[in-house]
Amino acid sequence: TYTDLQNYLDTIRDHPFVTVESLGQTRCGHDLPLVSVSSSPDARDLVLLISREDGDEPTSNVALEGFLSRLISDDSPEIARIRENTVFTIVPMVAIDAVVSGSPYGGPYDVMARRWMDEEPLPEIAHIKSAIAGWFESHNIRLIGKLHGGQAYDNAPVWDFRIFDRELRKLLPKGRPESTNGDWNPYVLDAVPWVRKLTIIESWLQQDYD
């Protein structure tokens, strides 16, 4: 729930590597939180993770909290080096109004993943797009990823991770080979048409930044 997210953020907001702030307000007036993690104010590489774009995918928040806890607490040389050189910026919940009202997807806004190309974007998406524009000016954006999960009403409790990477995507074939295992599809670009249509943030990023 949104309350669970707020309670979790309260447990990490005082950590020296963590900054919790608000990107702005949702249409219904809830704060849209942004979490930043880095051990150095001079880090220029940036990774953006966006989670809970659909109200009925709570497993994406579970996965994200596990990732955050590992990133903050792991003192191994590899993780310490990543924290030193990279800023992780995380929008932990986009469809807040849907979560609060108990609605699937984006609640009253249909599937929020389809709304990135709207001429007048939803306020949640407008806040994120504005932040991304600023980060392209101030940092080297290395990865933009979205965490999704199996929808609670019809799927097993799983989660999936979708990426946009300007260099990596150019290496991926446009078609899916017949021999590719149906349970694991690394061919992100145009391999699964319905995902391609739903994940319109990729189309917007390509249009404006690629």
Protein backbone atom coordinates (compact mmCIF):
# COMPACT_ATOMS: atom_id res chain seq x y z
CA THR A 1 0.00 0.00 0.00
CA TYR A 2 0.99 3.66 -0.19
CA THR A 3 1.17 3.68 3.61
CA ASP A 4 3.55 0.70 3.51
CA LEU A 5 5.76 2.61 1.08
CA GLN A 6 5.79 5.69 3.31
CA ASN A 7 6.66 3.55 6.31
CA TYR A 8 9.51 1.89 4.41
CA LEU A 9 10.87 5.24 3.25
CA ASP A 10 10.82 6.43 6.86
CA THR A 11 13.17 3.57 7.76
CA ILE A 12 15.80 4.60 5.18
CA ARG A 13 15.48 8.37 4.83
CA ASP A 14 18.08 9.11 7.54
CA HIS A 15 20.70 6.82 6.01
CA PRO A 16 23.77 8.83 4.87
CA PHE A 17 23.56 7.43 1.33
CA VAL A 18 19.84 8.17 0.93
CA THR A 19 17.83 11.24 -0.04
CA VAL A 20 14.04 11.09 -0.06
CA GLU A 21 12.15 13.96 -1.66
CA SER A 22 8.95 14.67 -3.58
CA LEU A 23 8.77 15.03 -7.34
CA GLY A 24 5.40 16.72 -6.97
CA GLN A 25 1.77 15.80 -6.46
CA THR A 26 -0.41 13.16 -8.08
CA ARG A 27 -3.73 14.16 -9.56
CA CYS A 28 -5.38 13.34 -6.23
CA GLY A 29 -2.83 15.33 -4.23
CA HIS A 30 -0.54 12.59 -2.92
CA ASP A 31 3.21 13.09 -2.79
CA LEU A 32 5.13 11.35 -5.59
CA PRO A 33 8.34 10.25 -3.81
CA LEU A 34 11.79 10.12 -5.32
CA VAL A 35 14.60 8.18 -3.65
CA SER A 36 18.24 8.87 -4.51
CA VAL A 37 21.11 6.65 -3.37
CA SER A 38 24.82 7.45 -3.71
CA SER A 39 27.82 7.75 -1.43
CA SER A 40 29.34 10.65 -3.39
CA PRO A 41 27.87 14.05 -4.31
CA ASP A 42 30.26 14.09 -7.27
CA ALA A 43 28.86 10.95 -8.93
CA ARG A 44 27.87 11.75 -12.51
CA ASP A 45 26.56 8.40 -13.77
CA LEU A 46 22.84 7.94 -13.12
CA VAL A 47 20.52 4.96 -13.11
CA LEU A 48 16.76 5.59 -13.02
CA LEU A 49 14.33 2.91 -11.82
CA ILE A 50 10.56 3.38 -12.07
CA SER A 51 8.26 1.05 -10.15
CA ARG A 52 4.56 0.36 -9.55
CA GLU A 53 3.28 1.93 -12.74
CA ASP A 54 0.26 -0.34 -12.28
CA GLY A 55 -1.69 -0.33 -9.05
CA ASP A 56 -2.18 -4.08 -8.91
CA GLU A 57 1.49 -5.10 -9.18
CA PRO A 58 2.69 -5.05 -5.55
CA THR A 59 5.50 -7.52 -6.17
CA SER A 60 7.41 -4.78 -7.99
CA ASN A 61 7.60 -2.86 -4.70
CA VAL A 62 8.77 -5.95 -2.85
CA ALA A 63 11.56 -6.44 -5.39
CA LEU A 64 12.48 -2.76 -5.27
CA GLU A 65 12.70 -2.67 -1.48
CA GLY A 66 15.00 -5.69 -1.57
CA PHE A 67 17.20 -3.96 -4.14
CA LEU A 68 17.32 -0.74 -2.11
CA SER A 69 18.15 -2.54 1.12
CA ARG A 70 21.00 -4.40 -0.59
CA LEU A 71 22.32 -1.26 -2.26
CA ILE A 72 22.36 0.65 1.03
CA SER A 73 23.67 -2.03 3.37
CA ASP A 74 26.11 -4.08 1.27
CA ASP A 75 29.71 -3.07 2.11
CA SER A 76 31.40 -5.27 -0.47
CA PRO A 77 34.02 -3.48 -2.63
CA GLU A 78 31.90 -3.95 -5.76
CA ILE A 79 28.77 -2.34 -4.31
CA ALA A 80 30.80 0.40 -2.60
CA ARG A 81 32.39 1.27 -5.94
CA ILE A 82 28.98 1.41 -7.63
CA ARG A 83 27.62 3.73 -4.92
CA GLU A 84 30.69 5.96 -5.26
CA ASN A 85 30.37 6.40 -9.02
CA THR A 86 26.62 6.20 -9.60
CA VAL A 87 23.48 7.97 -8.43
CA PHE A 88 20.48 5.62 -8.27
CA THR A 89 17.30 7.64 -8.68
CA ILE A 90 14.16 5.67 -7.94
CA VAL A 91 10.47 6.47 -8.36
CA PRO A 92 9.11 3.70 -6.12
CA MET A 93 5.41 4.14 -6.93
CA VAL A 94 3.88 5.91 -9.91
CA ALA A 95 0.22 4.78 -9.78
CA ILE A 96 -0.27 6.05 -6.24
CA ASP A 97 -3.87 7.15 -6.76
CA ALA A 98 -4.75 3.69 -8.10
CA VAL A 99 -3.02 2.00 -5.16
CA VAL A 100 -4.84 4.20 -2.63
CA SER A 101 -8.22 3.56 -4.25
CA GLY A 102 -7.59 -0.17 -4.75
CA SER A 103 -7.83 0.06 -8.53
CA PRO A 104 -5.89 -2.01 -11.07
CA TYR A 105 -3.50 -0.52 -13.59
CA GLY A 106 -3.59 3.29 -13.37
CA GLY A 107 -7.01 3.39 -11.79
CA PRO A 108 -9.12 6.12 -13.42
CA TYR A 109 -6.32 6.85 -15.90
CA ASP A 110 -6.41 3.49 -17.70
CA VAL A 111 -2.93 1.96 -18.19
CA MET A 112 -0.44 4.66 -17.18
CA ALA A 113 2.28 3.00 -19.25
CA ARG A 114 0.32 4.06 -22.34
CA ARG A 115 0.23 7.73 -21.38
CA TRP A 116 3.85 8.81 -21.89
CA MET A 117 3.16 10.24 -25.35
CA ASP A 118 0.08 12.26 -24.36
CA GLU A 119 0.22 15.90 -25.39
CA GLU A 120 -1.00 16.78 -21.91
CA PRO A 121 0.53 14.04 -19.73
CA LEU A 122 -0.82 12.99 -16.38
CA PRO A 123 0.80 14.98 -13.56
CA GLU A 124 2.72 11.93 -12.31
CA ILE A 125 4.23 11.35 -15.74
CA ALA A 126 4.83 15.06 -16.30
CA HIS A 127 6.85 15.25 -13.05
CA ILE A 128 8.98 12.25 -14.06
CA LYS A 129 9.52 13.53 -17.60
CA SER A 130 10.63 16.92 -16.26
CA ALA A 131 13.10 15.24 -13.89
CA ILE A 132 14.48 13.05 -16.70
CA ALA A 133 15.05 16.13 -18.87
CA GLY A 134 17.06 17.70 -16.05
CA TRP A 135 19.10 14.54 -15.47
CA PHE A 136 20.03 14.34 -19.15
CA GLU A 137 21.55 17.79 -18.72
CA SER A 138 23.31 17.16 -15.40
CA HIS A 139 24.33 13.49 -15.47
CA ASN A 140 25.29 10.61 -17.72
CA ILE A 141 22.15 8.48 -17.72
CA ARG A 142 23.40 4.92 -18.01
CA LEU A 143 20.15 3.00 -17.60
CA ILE A 144 16.43 3.59 -17.29
CA GLY A 145 14.49 0.59 -16.03
CA LYS A 146 10.91 -0.15 -15.07
CA LEU A 147 9.90 -2.73 -12.48
CA HIS A 148 6.61 -4.47 -13.15
CA GLY A 149 5.00 -7.42 -11.41
CA GLY A 150 2.44 -10.12 -11.98
CA GLN A 151 -0.95 -8.53 -11.51
CA ALA A 152 -2.49 -9.61 -8.25
CA TYR A 153 -5.81 -10.78 -9.62
CA ASP A 154 -4.71 -13.09 -12.42
CA ASN A 155 -1.01 -13.89 -12.24
CA ALA A 156 1.53 -15.67 -10.09
CA PRO A 157 3.53 -13.41 -7.73
CA VAL A 158 6.39 -12.59 -10.08
CA TRP A 159 8.06 -9.42 -11.25
CA ASP A 160 9.84 -8.36 -14.41
CA PHE A 161 12.40 -5.72 -15.31
CA ARG A 162 12.28 -3.73 -18.55
CA ILE A 163 15.18 -1.56 -19.64
CA PHE A 164 15.91 1.31 -21.95
CA ASP A 165 19.58 1.70 -22.79
CA ARG A 166 20.54 3.66 -25.89
CA GLU A 167 23.71 1.69 -26.59
CA LEU A 168 22.48 -1.74 -25.53
CA ARG A 169 19.25 -1.56 -27.51
CA LYS A 170 21.18 -0.99 -30.72
CA LEU A 171 22.79 -4.40 -30.21
CA LEU A 172 19.49 -6.26 -29.88
CA PRO A 173 17.88 -7.78 -32.98
CA LYS A 174 14.52 -6.43 -34.09
CA GLY A 175 12.96 -9.88 -34.43
CA ARG A 176 12.71 -12.81 -32.09
CA PRO A 177 14.40 -15.99 -33.39
CA GLU A 178 12.23 -19.08 -33.47
CA SER A 179 14.75 -20.88 -31.27
CA THR A 180 14.40 -18.41 -28.38
CA ASN A 181 12.99 -19.97 -25.23
CA GLY A 182 9.49 -18.62 -24.76
CA ASP A 183 9.99 -18.24 -21.01
CA TRP A 184 13.01 -15.97 -21.38
CA ASN A 185 13.12 -13.32 -24.08
CA PRO A 186 16.20 -11.06 -24.18
CA TYR A 187 15.15 -9.44 -27.46
CA VAL A 188 13.57 -6.34 -25.98
CA LEU A 189 13.29 -4.07 -29.00
CA ASP A 190 10.37 -5.41 -31.02
CA ALA A 191 10.17 -9.01 -29.89
CA VAL A 192 6.87 -8.84 -28.02
CA PRO A 193 4.50 -6.42 -29.81
CA TRP A 194 2.09 -5.95 -26.91
CA VAL A 195 4.94 -5.07 -24.54
CA ARG A 196 6.28 -2.70 -27.18
CA LYS A 197 2.92 -0.93 -27.33
CA LEU A 198 2.47 -0.77 -23.57
CA THR A 199 5.99 0.37 -22.74
CA ILE A 200 5.57 3.75 -24.40
CA ILE A 201 8.18 5.40 -22.19
CA GLU A 202 10.67 3.77 -24.58
CA SER A 203 9.03 5.44 -27.58
CA TRP A 204 9.12 8.80 -25.82
CA LEU A 205 12.77 8.40 -24.81
CA GLN A 206 13.73 7.43 -28.34
CA GLN A 207 11.77 10.34 -29.79
CA ASP A 208 13.25 12.97 -27.49
CA TYR A 209 16.71 11.66 -26.58
CA ASP A 210 17.97 8.93 -28.90
